[in-house]
PDB file of N, CA and C in Angstrom:
ATOM      1  N   ALA A   1       0.842  -1.190   0.000  1.00  0.00           N
ATOM      2  CA  ALA A   1       0.000   0.000   0.000  1.00  0.00           C
ATOM      3  C   ALA A   1       0.880   1.244   0.000  1.00  0.00           C
ATOM      4  N   PRO A   2       0.476   2.260  -0.723  1.00  0.00           N
ATOM      5  CA  PRO A   2       1.254   3.493  -0.746  1.00  0.00           C
ATOM      6  C   PRO A   2       1.288   4.133   0.649  1.00  0.00           C
ATOM      7  N   GLU A   3       2.426   4.710   0.957  1.00  0.00           N
ATOM      8  CA  GLU A   3       2.567   5.371   2.249  1.00  0.00           C
ATOM      9  C   GLU A   3       1.831   6.706   2.222  1.00  0.00           C
ATOM     10  N   LYS A   4       1.149   6.995   3.324  1.00  0.00           N
ATOM     11  CA  LYS A   4       0.421   8.255   3.446  1.00  0.00           C
ATOM     12  C   LYS A   4       0.988   9.040   4.610  1.00  0.00           C
ATOM     13  N   GLY A   5       1.126  10.345   4.435  1.00  0.00           N
ATOM     14  CA  GLY A   5       1.572  11.211   5.516  1.00  0.00           C
ATOM     15  C   GLY A   5       3.055  11.058   5.800  1.00  0.00           C
ATOM     16  N   ILE A   6       3.444  11.472   6.986  1.00  0.00           N
ATOM     17  CA  ILE A   6       4.837  11.441   7.413  1.00  0.00           C
ATOM     18  C   ILE A   6       5.150  10.087   8.036  1.00  0.00           C
ATOM     19  N   THR A   7       6.225   9.464   7.570  1.00  0.00           N
ATOM     20  CA  THR A   7       6.702   8.207   8.148  1.00  0.00           C
ATOM     21  C   THR A   7       8.221   8.283   8.279  1.00  0.00           C
ATOM     22  N   TYR A   8       8.740   7.404   9.128  1.00  0.00           N
ATOM     23  CA  TYR A   8      10.183   7.337   9.384  1.00  0.00           C
ATOM     24  C   TYR A   8      10.635   5.891   9.253  1.00  0.00           C
ATOM     25  N   LYS A   9      11.876   5.710   8.813  1.00  0.00           N
ATOM     26  CA  LYS A   9      12.499   4.395   8.724  1.00  0.00           C
ATOM     27  C   LYS A   9      13.926   4.539   9.236  1.00  0.00           C
ATOM     28  N   VAL A  10      14.615   3.413   9.374  1.00  0.00           N
ATOM     29  CA  VAL A  10      16.021   3.444   9.760  1.00  0.00           C
ATOM     30  C   VAL A  10      16.839   2.931   8.582  1.00  0.00           C
ATOM     31  N   GLN A  11      17.744   3.781   8.086  1.00  0.00           N
ATOM     32  CA  GLN A  11      18.655   3.340   7.037  1.00  0.00           C
ATOM     33  C   GLN A  11      19.819   2.640   7.711  1.00  0.00           C
ATOM     34  N   ILE A  12      20.044   1.386   7.329  1.00  0.00           N
ATOM     35  CA  ILE A  12      21.084   0.606   7.991  1.00  0.00           C
ATOM     36  C   ILE A  12      22.392   0.594   7.206  1.00  0.00           C
ATOM     37  N   THR A  13      22.327   0.787   5.897  1.00  0.00           N
ATOM     38  CA  THR A  13      23.539   0.902   5.085  1.00  0.00           C
ATOM     39  C   THR A  13      23.155   1.350   3.678  1.00  0.00           C
ATOM     40  N   ALA A  14      24.170   1.662   2.887  1.00  0.00           N
ATOM     41  CA  ALA A  14      23.973   2.019   1.481  1.00  0.00           C
ATOM     42  C   ALA A  14      25.137   1.432   0.691  1.00  0.00           C
ATOM     43  N   ALA A  15      24.890   1.147  -0.574  1.00  0.00           N
ATOM     44  CA  ALA A  15      25.923   0.543  -1.408  1.00  0.00           C
ATOM     45  C   ALA A  15      25.650   0.884  -2.868  1.00  0.00           C
ATOM     46  N   HIS A  16      26.582   0.514  -3.714  1.00  0.00           N
ATOM     47  CA  HIS A  16      26.387   0.706  -5.152  1.00  0.00           C
ATOM     48  C   HIS A  16      25.928  -0.572  -5.835  1.00  0.00           C
ATOM     49  N   ARG A  17      25.882  -1.667  -5.054  1.00  0.00           N
ATOM     50  CA  ARG A  17      25.381  -2.909  -5.637  1.00  0.00           C
ATOM     51  C   ARG A  17      24.394  -3.536  -4.652  1.00  0.00           C
ATOM     52  N   GLU A  18      23.510  -4.322  -5.199  1.00  0.00           N
ATOM     53  CA  GLU A  18      22.465  -4.945  -4.387  1.00  0.00           C
ATOM     54  C   GLU A  18      22.987  -6.235  -3.754  1.00  0.00           C
ATOM     55  N   VAL A  19      22.701  -6.398  -2.458  1.00  0.00           N
ATOM     56  CA  VAL A  19      23.071  -7.623  -1.742  1.00  0.00           C
ATOM     57  C   VAL A  19      21.826  -8.176  -1.066  1.00  0.00           C
ATOM     58  N   GLY A  20      21.881  -9.429  -0.681  1.00  0.00           N
ATOM     59  CA  GLY A  20      20.725 -10.075  -0.081  1.00  0.00           C
ATOM     60  C   GLY A  20      20.885 -10.352   1.399  1.00  0.00           C
ATOM     61  N   SER A  21      19.933 -11.094   1.927  1.00  0.00           N
ATOM     62  CA  SER A  21      19.903 -11.427   3.350  1.00  0.00           C
ATOM     63  C   SER A  21      21.158 -12.140   3.843  1.00  0.00           C
ATOM     64  N   PRO A  22      21.734 -13.094   3.083  1.00  0.00           N
ATOM     65  CA  PRO A  22      22.945 -13.760   3.586  1.00  0.00           C
ATOM     66  C   PRO A  22      24.075 -12.771   3.899  1.00  0.00           C
ATOM     67  N   TYR A  23      24.208 -11.735   3.089  1.00  0.00           N
ATOM     68  CA  TYR A  23      25.223 -10.713   3.342  1.00  0.00           C
ATOM     69  C   TYR A  23      24.974 -10.025   4.685  1.00  0.00           C
ATOM     70  N   PHE A  24      23.730  -9.636   4.953  1.00  0.00           N
ATOM     71  CA  PHE A  24      23.406  -8.950   6.206  1.00  0.00           C
ATOM     72  C   PHE A  24      23.593  -9.875   7.411  1.00  0.00           C
ATOM     73  N   GLN A  25      23.294 -11.154   7.234  1.00  0.00           N
ATOM     74  CA  GLN A  25      23.472 -12.100   8.332  1.00  0.00           C
ATOM     75  C   GLN A  25      24.949 -12.275   8.661  1.00  0.00           C
ATOM     76  N   LYS A  26      25.776 -12.375   7.643  1.00  0.00           N
ATOM     77  CA  LYS A  26      27.207 -12.602   7.865  1.00  0.00           C
ATOM     78  C   LYS A  26      27.922 -11.308   8.268  1.00  0.00           C
ATOM     79  N   ARG A  27      27.718 -10.267   7.530  1.00  0.00           N
ATOM     80  CA  ARG A  27      28.474  -9.013   7.735  1.00  0.00           C
ATOM     81  C   ARG A  27      27.981  -8.210   8.926  1.00  0.00           C
ATOM     82  N   HIS A  28      26.662  -8.169   9.133  1.00  0.00           N
ATOM     83  CA  HIS A  28      26.091  -7.277  10.151  1.00  0.00           C
ATOM     84  C   HIS A  28      25.392  -8.010  11.299  1.00  0.00           C
ATOM     85  N   ARG A  29      25.420  -9.348  11.269  1.00  0.00           N
ATOM     86  CA  ARG A  29      24.727 -10.121  12.303  1.00  0.00           C
ATOM     87  C   ARG A  29      23.264  -9.676  12.425  1.00  0.00           C
ATOM     88  N   TYR A  30      22.644  -9.473  11.276  1.00  0.00           N
ATOM     89  CA  TYR A  30      21.264  -8.978  11.226  1.00  0.00           C
ATOM     90  C   TYR A  30      20.417  -9.978  10.456  1.00  0.00           C
ATOM     91  N   HIS A  31      19.348 -10.459  11.088  1.00  0.00           N
ATOM     92  CA  HIS A  31      18.465 -11.449  10.475  1.00  0.00           C
ATOM     93  C   HIS A  31      17.073 -10.888  10.206  1.00  0.00           C
ATOM     94  N   GLY A  32      16.891  -9.599  10.418  1.00  0.00           N
ATOM     95  CA  GLY A  32      15.577  -8.984  10.253  1.00  0.00           C
ATOM     96  C   GLY A  32      15.267  -8.620   8.815  1.00  0.00           C
ATOM     97  N   GLU A  33      14.111  -8.054   8.648  1.00  0.00           N
ATOM     98  CA  GLU A  33      13.655  -7.640   7.326  1.00  0.00           C
ATOM     99  C   GLU A  33      14.259  -6.294   6.959  1.00  0.00           C
ATOM    100  N   PHE A  34      14.366  -6.056   5.659  1.00  0.00           N
ATOM    101  CA  PHE A  34      14.815  -4.764   5.170  1.00  0.00           C
ATOM    102  C   PHE A  34      14.216  -4.532   3.791  1.00  0.00           C
ATOM    103  N   ALA A  35      14.196  -3.296   3.389  1.00  0.00           N
ATOM    104  CA  ALA A  35      13.726  -2.927   2.059  1.00  0.00           C
ATOM    105  C   ALA A  35      14.859  -2.230   1.327  1.00  0.00           C
ATOM    106  N   ILE A  36      14.781  -2.268   0.025  1.00  0.00           N
ATOM    107  CA  ILE A  36      15.787  -1.624  -0.819  1.00  0.00           C
ATOM    108  C   ILE A  36      15.150  -0.404  -1.473  1.00  0.00           C
ATOM    109  N   GLU A  37      15.849   0.725  -1.385  1.00  0.00           N
ATOM    110  CA  GLU A  37      15.424   1.955  -2.052  1.00  0.00           C
ATOM    111  C   GLU A  37      16.557   2.441  -2.924  1.00  0.00           C
ATOM    112  N   ARG A  38      16.213   2.969  -4.060  1.00  0.00           N
ATOM    113  CA  ARG A  38      17.215   3.596  -4.912  1.00  0.00           C
ATOM    114  C   ARG A  38      17.031   5.098  -4.772  1.00  0.00           C
ATOM    115  N   HIS A  39      18.140   5.777  -4.377  1.00  0.00           N
ATOM    116  CA  HIS A  39      18.048   7.209  -4.087  1.00  0.00           C
ATOM    117  C   HIS A  39      19.402   7.853  -4.337  1.00  0.00           C
ATOM    118  N   ASP A  40      19.436   8.898  -5.133  1.00  0.00           N
ATOM    119  CA  ASP A  40      20.657   9.654  -5.413  1.00  0.00           C
ATOM    120  C   ASP A  40      21.797   8.762  -5.906  1.00  0.00           C
ATOM    121  N   GLY A  41      21.495   7.773  -6.745  1.00  0.00           N
ATOM    122  CA  GLY A  41      22.522   6.909  -7.307  1.00  0.00           C
ATOM    123  C   GLY A  41      23.007   5.800  -6.383  1.00  0.00           C
ATOM    124  N   TRP A  42      22.378   5.650  -5.238  1.00  0.00           N
ATOM    125  CA  TRP A  42      22.765   4.627  -4.259  1.00  0.00           C
ATOM    126  C   TRP A  42      21.640   3.624  -4.083  1.00  0.00           C
ATOM    127  N   ILE A  43      22.009   2.435  -3.648  1.00  0.00           N
ATOM    128  CA  ILE A  43      21.038   1.451  -3.190  1.00  0.00           C
ATOM    129  C   ILE A  43      21.063   1.550  -1.679  1.00  0.00           C
ATOM    130  N   LYS A  44      19.938   1.946  -1.106  1.00  0.00           N
ATOM    131  CA  LYS A  44      19.868   2.190   0.334  1.00  0.00           C
ATOM    132  C   LYS A  44      18.992   1.124   0.976  1.00  0.00           C
ATOM    133  N   TYR A  45      19.481   0.610   2.080  1.00  0.00           N
ATOM    134  CA  TYR A  45      18.806  -0.461   2.805  1.00  0.00           C
ATOM    135  C   TYR A  45      18.166   0.133   4.050  1.00  0.00           C
ATOM    136  N   VAL A  46      16.843  -0.002   4.126  1.00  0.00           N
ATOM    137  CA  VAL A  46      16.096   0.585   5.234  1.00  0.00           C
ATOM    138  C   VAL A  46      15.226  -0.476   5.890  1.00  0.00           C
ATOM    139  N   THR A  47      14.852  -0.221   7.117  1.00  0.00           N
ATOM    140  CA  THR A  47      13.995  -1.147   7.843  1.00  0.00           C
ATOM    141  C   THR A  47      13.019  -0.366   8.721  1.00  0.00           C
ATOM    142  N   GLY A  48      11.909  -1.006   9.010  1.00  0.00           N
ATOM    143  CA  GLY A  48      10.898  -0.403   9.862  1.00  0.00           C
ATOM    144  C   GLY A  48      10.028   0.597   9.135  1.00  0.00           C
ATOM    145  N   ARG A  49       8.961   0.968   9.812  1.00  0.00           N
ATOM    146  CA  ARG A  49       8.071   2.031   9.344  1.00  0.00           C
ATOM    147  C   ARG A  49       7.400   2.581  10.591  1.00  0.00           C
ATOM    148  N   PHE A  50       7.707   3.822  10.898  1.00  0.00           N
ATOM    149  CA  PHE A  50       7.258   4.435  12.141  1.00  0.00           C
ATOM    150  C   PHE A  50       6.522   5.737  11.844  1.00  0.00           C
ATOM    151  N   ASP A  51       5.492   6.008  12.625  1.00  0.00           N
ATOM    152  CA  ASP A  51       4.760   7.267  12.487  1.00  0.00           C
ATOM    153  C   ASP A  51       5.345   8.356  13.379  1.00  0.00           C
ATOM    154  N   ILE A  52       6.140   7.949  14.356  1.00  0.00           N
ATOM    155  CA  ILE A  52       6.694   8.895  15.325  1.00  0.00           C
ATOM    156  C   ILE A  52       8.218   8.811  15.275  1.00  0.00           C
ATOM    157  N   TYR A  53       8.863   9.953  15.159  1.00  0.00           N
ATOM    158  CA  TYR A  53      10.318  10.014  15.048  1.00  0.00           C
ATOM    159  C   TYR A  53      10.997   9.285  16.201  1.00  0.00           C
ATOM    160  N   ARG A  54      10.558   9.521  17.432  1.00  0.00           N
ATOM    161  CA  ARG A  54      11.195   8.908  18.605  1.00  0.00           C
ATOM    162  C   ARG A  54      11.233   7.386  18.505  1.00  0.00           C
ATOM    163  N   GLU A  55      10.205   6.781  17.928  1.00  0.00           N
ATOM    164  CA  GLU A  55      10.184   5.322  17.783  1.00  0.00           C
ATOM    165  C   GLU A  55      11.252   4.854  16.795  1.00  0.00           C
ATOM    166  N   ALA A  56      11.417   5.583  15.700  1.00  0.00           N
ATOM    167  CA  ALA A  56      12.456   5.240  14.726  1.00  0.00           C
ATOM    168  C   ALA A  56      13.833   5.421  15.345  1.00  0.00           C
ATOM    169  N   ARG A  57      14.021   6.497  16.088  1.00  0.00           N
ATOM    170  CA  ARG A  57      15.304   6.744  16.744  1.00  0.00           C
ATOM    171  C   ARG A  57      15.604   5.645  17.764  1.00  0.00           C
ATOM    172  N   ALA A  58      14.590   5.193  18.487  1.00  0.00           N
ATOM    173  CA  ALA A  58      14.776   4.105  19.455  1.00  0.00           C
ATOM    174  C   ALA A  58      15.211   2.828  18.744  1.00  0.00           C
ATOM    175  N   GLN A  59      14.657   2.558  17.574  1.00  0.00           N
ATOM    176  CA  GLN A  59      15.074   1.375  16.805  1.00  0.00           C
ATOM    177  C   GLN A  59      16.522   1.511  16.365  1.00  0.00           C
ATOM    178  N   ARG A  60      16.898   2.700  15.891  1.00  0.00           N
ATOM    179  CA  ARG A  60      18.302   2.939  15.513  1.00  0.00           C
ATOM    180  C   ARG A  60      19.218   2.671  16.702  1.00  0.00           C
ATOM    181  N   ASP A  61      18.869   3.198  17.865  1.00  0.00           N
ATOM    182  CA  ASP A  61      19.673   3.002  19.069  1.00  0.00           C
ATOM    183  C   ASP A  61      19.759   1.526  19.447  1.00  0.00           C
ATOM    184  N   LYS A  62      18.674   0.785  19.239  1.00  0.00           N
ATOM    185  CA  LYS A  62      18.660  -0.641  19.552  1.00  0.00           C
ATOM    186  C   LYS A  62      19.613  -1.409  18.634  1.00  0.00           C
ATOM    187  N   PHE A  63      19.653  -1.042  17.357  1.00  0.00           N
ATOM    188  CA  PHE A  63      20.598  -1.683  16.438  1.00  0.00           C
ATOM    189  C   PHE A  63      22.032  -1.511  16.935  1.00  0.00           C
ATOM    190  N   VAL A  64      22.359  -0.311  17.389  1.00  0.00           N
ATOM    191  CA  VAL A  64      23.707  -0.038  17.896  1.00  0.00           C
ATOM    192  C   VAL A  64      23.952  -0.840  19.175  1.00  0.00           C
ATOM    193  N   ALA A  65      23.002  -0.797  20.109  1.00  0.00           N
ATOM    194  CA  ALA A  65      23.150  -1.496  21.389  1.00  0.00           C
ATOM    195  C   ALA A  65      23.246  -3.008  21.203  1.00  0.00           C
ATOM    196  N   ASP A  66      22.547  -3.539  20.208  1.00  0.00           N
ATOM    197  CA  ASP A  66      22.557  -4.981  19.954  1.00  0.00           C
ATOM    198  C   ASP A  66      23.828  -5.446  19.246  1.00  0.00           C
ATOM    199  N   GLY A  67      24.703  -4.515  18.872  1.00  0.00           N
ATOM    200  CA  GLY A  67      25.983  -4.881  18.290  1.00  0.00           C
ATOM    201  C   GLY A  67      25.979  -5.179  16.804  1.00  0.00           C
ATOM    202  N   HIS A  68      24.939  -4.750  16.095  1.00  0.00           N
ATOM    203  CA  HIS A  68      24.948  -4.934  14.641  1.00  0.00           C
ATOM    204  C   HIS A  68      26.044  -4.046  14.063  1.00  0.00           C
ATOM    205  N   ALA A  69      26.762  -4.560  13.116  1.00  0.00           N
ATOM    206  CA  ALA A  69      27.894  -3.826  12.554  1.00  0.00           C
ATOM    207  C   ALA A  69      27.467  -2.934  11.397  1.00  0.00           C
ATOM    208  N   PHE A  70      26.399  -2.178  11.605  1.00  0.00           N
ATOM    209  CA  PHE A  70      25.961  -1.230  10.581  1.00  0.00           C
ATOM    210  C   PHE A  70      26.849   0.002  10.646  1.00  0.00           C
ATOM    211  N   PRO A  71      27.193   0.583   9.496  1.00  0.00           N
ATOM    212  CA  PRO A  71      28.051   1.768   9.499  1.00  0.00           C
ATOM    213  C   PRO A  71      27.248   3.045   9.784  1.00  0.00           C
ATOM    214  N   GLY A  72      26.865   3.219  11.033  1.00  0.00           N
ATOM    215  CA  GLY A  72      26.152   4.437  11.417  1.00  0.00           C
ATOM    216  C   GLY A  72      24.715   4.483  10.956  1.00  0.00           C
ATOM    217  N   PRO A  73      23.847   3.596  11.444  1.00  0.00           N
ATOM    218  CA  PRO A  73      22.438   3.648  11.045  1.00  0.00           C
ATOM    219  C   PRO A  73      21.832   4.992  11.448  1.00  0.00           C
ATOM    220  N   PHE A  74      20.874   5.462  10.661  1.00  0.00           N
ATOM    221  CA  PHE A  74      20.239   6.741  10.979  1.00  0.00           C
ATOM    222  C   PHE A  74      18.790   6.747  10.515  1.00  0.00           C
ATOM    223  N   VAL A  75      18.023   7.685  11.048  1.00  0.00           N
ATOM    224  CA  VAL A  75      16.604   7.796  10.740  1.00  0.00           C
ATOM    225  C   VAL A  75      16.426   8.562   9.430  1.00  0.00           C
ATOM    226  N   THR A  76      15.544   8.043   8.588  1.00  0.00           N
ATOM    227  CA  THR A  76      15.159   8.718   7.356  1.00  0.00           C
ATOM    228  C   THR A  76      13.686   9.082   7.453  1.00  0.00           C
ATOM    229  N   ALA A  77      13.261  10.039   6.646  1.00  0.00           N
ATOM    230  CA  ALA A  77      11.879  10.516   6.721  1.00  0.00           C
ATOM    231  C   ALA A  77      11.255  10.563   5.330  1.00  0.00           C
ATOM    232  N   TYR A  78       9.928  10.432   5.310  1.00  0.00           N
ATOM    233  CA  TYR A  78       9.181  10.383   4.054  1.00  0.00           C
ATOM    234  C   TYR A  78       7.870  11.154   4.210  1.00  0.00           C
ATOM    235  N   ASN A  79       7.468  11.807   3.147  1.00  0.00           N
ATOM    236  CA  ASN A  79       6.165  12.466   3.092  1.00  0.00           C
ATOM    237  C   ASN A  79       5.411  11.849   1.923  1.00  0.00           C
ATOM    238  N   ASN A  80       4.366  11.092   2.243  1.00  0.00           N
ATOM    239  CA  ASN A  80       3.597  10.361   1.229  1.00  0.00           C
ATOM    240  C   ASN A  80       4.511   9.484   0.368  1.00  0.00           C
ATOM    241  N   GLY A  81       5.496   8.847   1.026  1.00  0.00           N
ATOM    242  CA  GLY A  81       6.395   7.925   0.351  1.00  0.00           C
ATOM    243  C   GLY A  81       7.604   8.559  -0.305  1.00  0.00           C
ATOM    244  N   GLU A  82       7.672   9.887  -0.358  1.00  0.00           N
ATOM    245  CA  GLU A  82       8.806  10.574  -0.963  1.00  0.00           C
ATOM    246  C   GLU A  82       9.794  10.983   0.123  1.00  0.00           C
ATOM    247  N   ARG A  83      11.061  10.650  -0.094  1.00  0.00           N
ATOM    248  CA  ARG A  83      12.072  10.924   0.923  1.00  0.00           C
ATOM    249  C   ARG A  83      12.288  12.429   1.082  1.00  0.00           C
ATOM    250  N   ILE A  84      12.277  12.867   2.341  1.00  0.00           N
ATOM    251  CA  ILE A  84      12.526  14.260   2.693  1.00  0.00           C
ATOM    252  C   ILE A  84      13.481  14.267   3.884  1.00  0.00           C
ATOM    253  N   THR A  85      13.915  15.429   4.316  1.00  0.00           N
ATOM    254  CA  THR A  85      14.790  15.479   5.481  1.00  0.00           C
ATOM    255  C   THR A  85      13.973  15.239   6.745  1.00  0.00           C
ATOM    256  N   VAL A  86      14.640  14.758   7.774  1.00  0.00           N
ATOM    257  CA  VAL A  86      13.972  14.540   9.058  1.00  0.00           C
ATOM    258  C   VAL A  86      13.441  15.863   9.584  1.00  0.00           C
ATOM    259  N   GLN A  87      14.212  16.927   9.438  1.00  0.00           N
ATOM    260  CA  GLN A  87      13.764  18.239   9.916  1.00  0.00           C
ATOM    261  C   GLN A  87      12.466  18.657   9.228  1.00  0.00           C
ATOM    262  N   GLU A  88      12.376  18.475   7.918  1.00  0.00           N
ATOM    263  CA  GLU A  88      11.140  18.796   7.195  1.00  0.00           C
ATOM    264  C   GLU A  88       9.981  17.963   7.730  1.00  0.00           C
ATOM    265  N   ALA A  89      10.225  16.678   7.939  1.00  0.00           N
ATOM    266  CA  ALA A  89       9.168  15.793   8.434  1.00  0.00           C
ATOM    267  C   ALA A  89       8.686  16.227   9.805  1.00  0.00           C
ATOM    268  N   LEU A  90       9.610  16.570  10.675  1.00  0.00           N
ATOM    269  CA  LEU A  90       9.235  16.997  12.022  1.00  0.00           C
ATOM    270  C   LEU A  90       8.418  18.285  11.978  1.00  0.00           C
ATOM    271  N   MET A  91       8.781  19.188  11.088  1.00  0.00           N
ATOM    272  CA  MET A  91       8.016  20.433  10.955  1.00  0.00           C
ATOM    273  C   MET A  91       6.625  20.146  10.436  1.00  0.00           C
ATOM    274  N   ILE A  92       6.517  19.316   9.423  1.00  0.00           N
ATOM    275  CA  ILE A  92       5.212  18.997   8.838  1.00  0.00           C
ATOM    276  C   ILE A  92       4.338  18.286   9.872  1.00  0.00           C
ATOM    277  N   ALA A  93       4.924  17.334  10.594  1.00  0.00           N
ATOM    278  CA  ALA A  93       4.169  16.536  11.562  1.00  0.00           C
ATOM    279  C   ALA A  93       4.052  17.221  12.916  1.00  0.00           C
ATOM    280  N   ASN A  94       4.741  18.351  13.086  1.00  0.00           N
ATOM    281  CA  ASN A  94       4.715  19.085  14.345  1.00  0.00           C
ATOM    282  C   ASN A  94       5.195  18.200  15.504  1.00  0.00           C
ATOM    283  N   GLN A  95       6.258  17.440  15.253  1.00  0.00           N
ATOM    284  CA  GLN A  95       6.850  16.587  16.278  1.00  0.00           C
ATOM    285  C   GLN A  95       8.154  17.190  16.740  1.00  0.00           C
ATOM    286  N   ARG A  96       8.558  16.859  17.938  1.00  0.00           N
ATOM    287  CA  ARG A  96       9.829  17.325  18.477  1.00  0.00           C
ATOM    288  C   ARG A  96      10.880  16.251  18.259  1.00  0.00           C
ATOM    289  N   ARG A  97      12.091  16.686  18.080  1.00  0.00           N
ATOM    290  CA  ARG A  97      13.193  15.765  17.820  1.00  0.00           C
ATOM    291  C   ARG A  97      13.916  15.421  19.117  1.00  0.00           C
ATOM    292  N   ALA A  98      13.323  15.306  20.194  1.00  0.00           N
ATOM    293  CA  ALA A  98      13.970  15.082  21.496  1.00  0.00           C
ATOM    294  C   ALA A  98      15.229  14.264  21.351  1.00  0.00           C
ATOM    295  N   ASN A  99      16.339  14.804  21.807  1.00  0.00           N
ATOM    296  CA  ASN A  99      17.623  14.098  21.720  1.00  0.00           C
ATOM    297  C   ASN A  99      17.628  13.081  22.756  1.00  0.00           C
TER     298      ASN A  99
END
């Protein structure tokens, strides 16, 4: 289903070539689901779908705490499925970015 409104995901890595689940299991000790997005010439690997920024940030923090070897996972934002900056999303959704 098409995404509606403001949503957040966690980008776990990006690459110039597509890799599958075995790569994530071996390289990052990650067995969860992920989606592939093509953006700005990169293949970006994202996971989750959150309506509230804090929930996405908590998932990012959990990936780090759980010891996944992701190279700096971070929260991404979308407006009706189109990628935008987190700051834009927070302004549109009137949410606070509590550190």
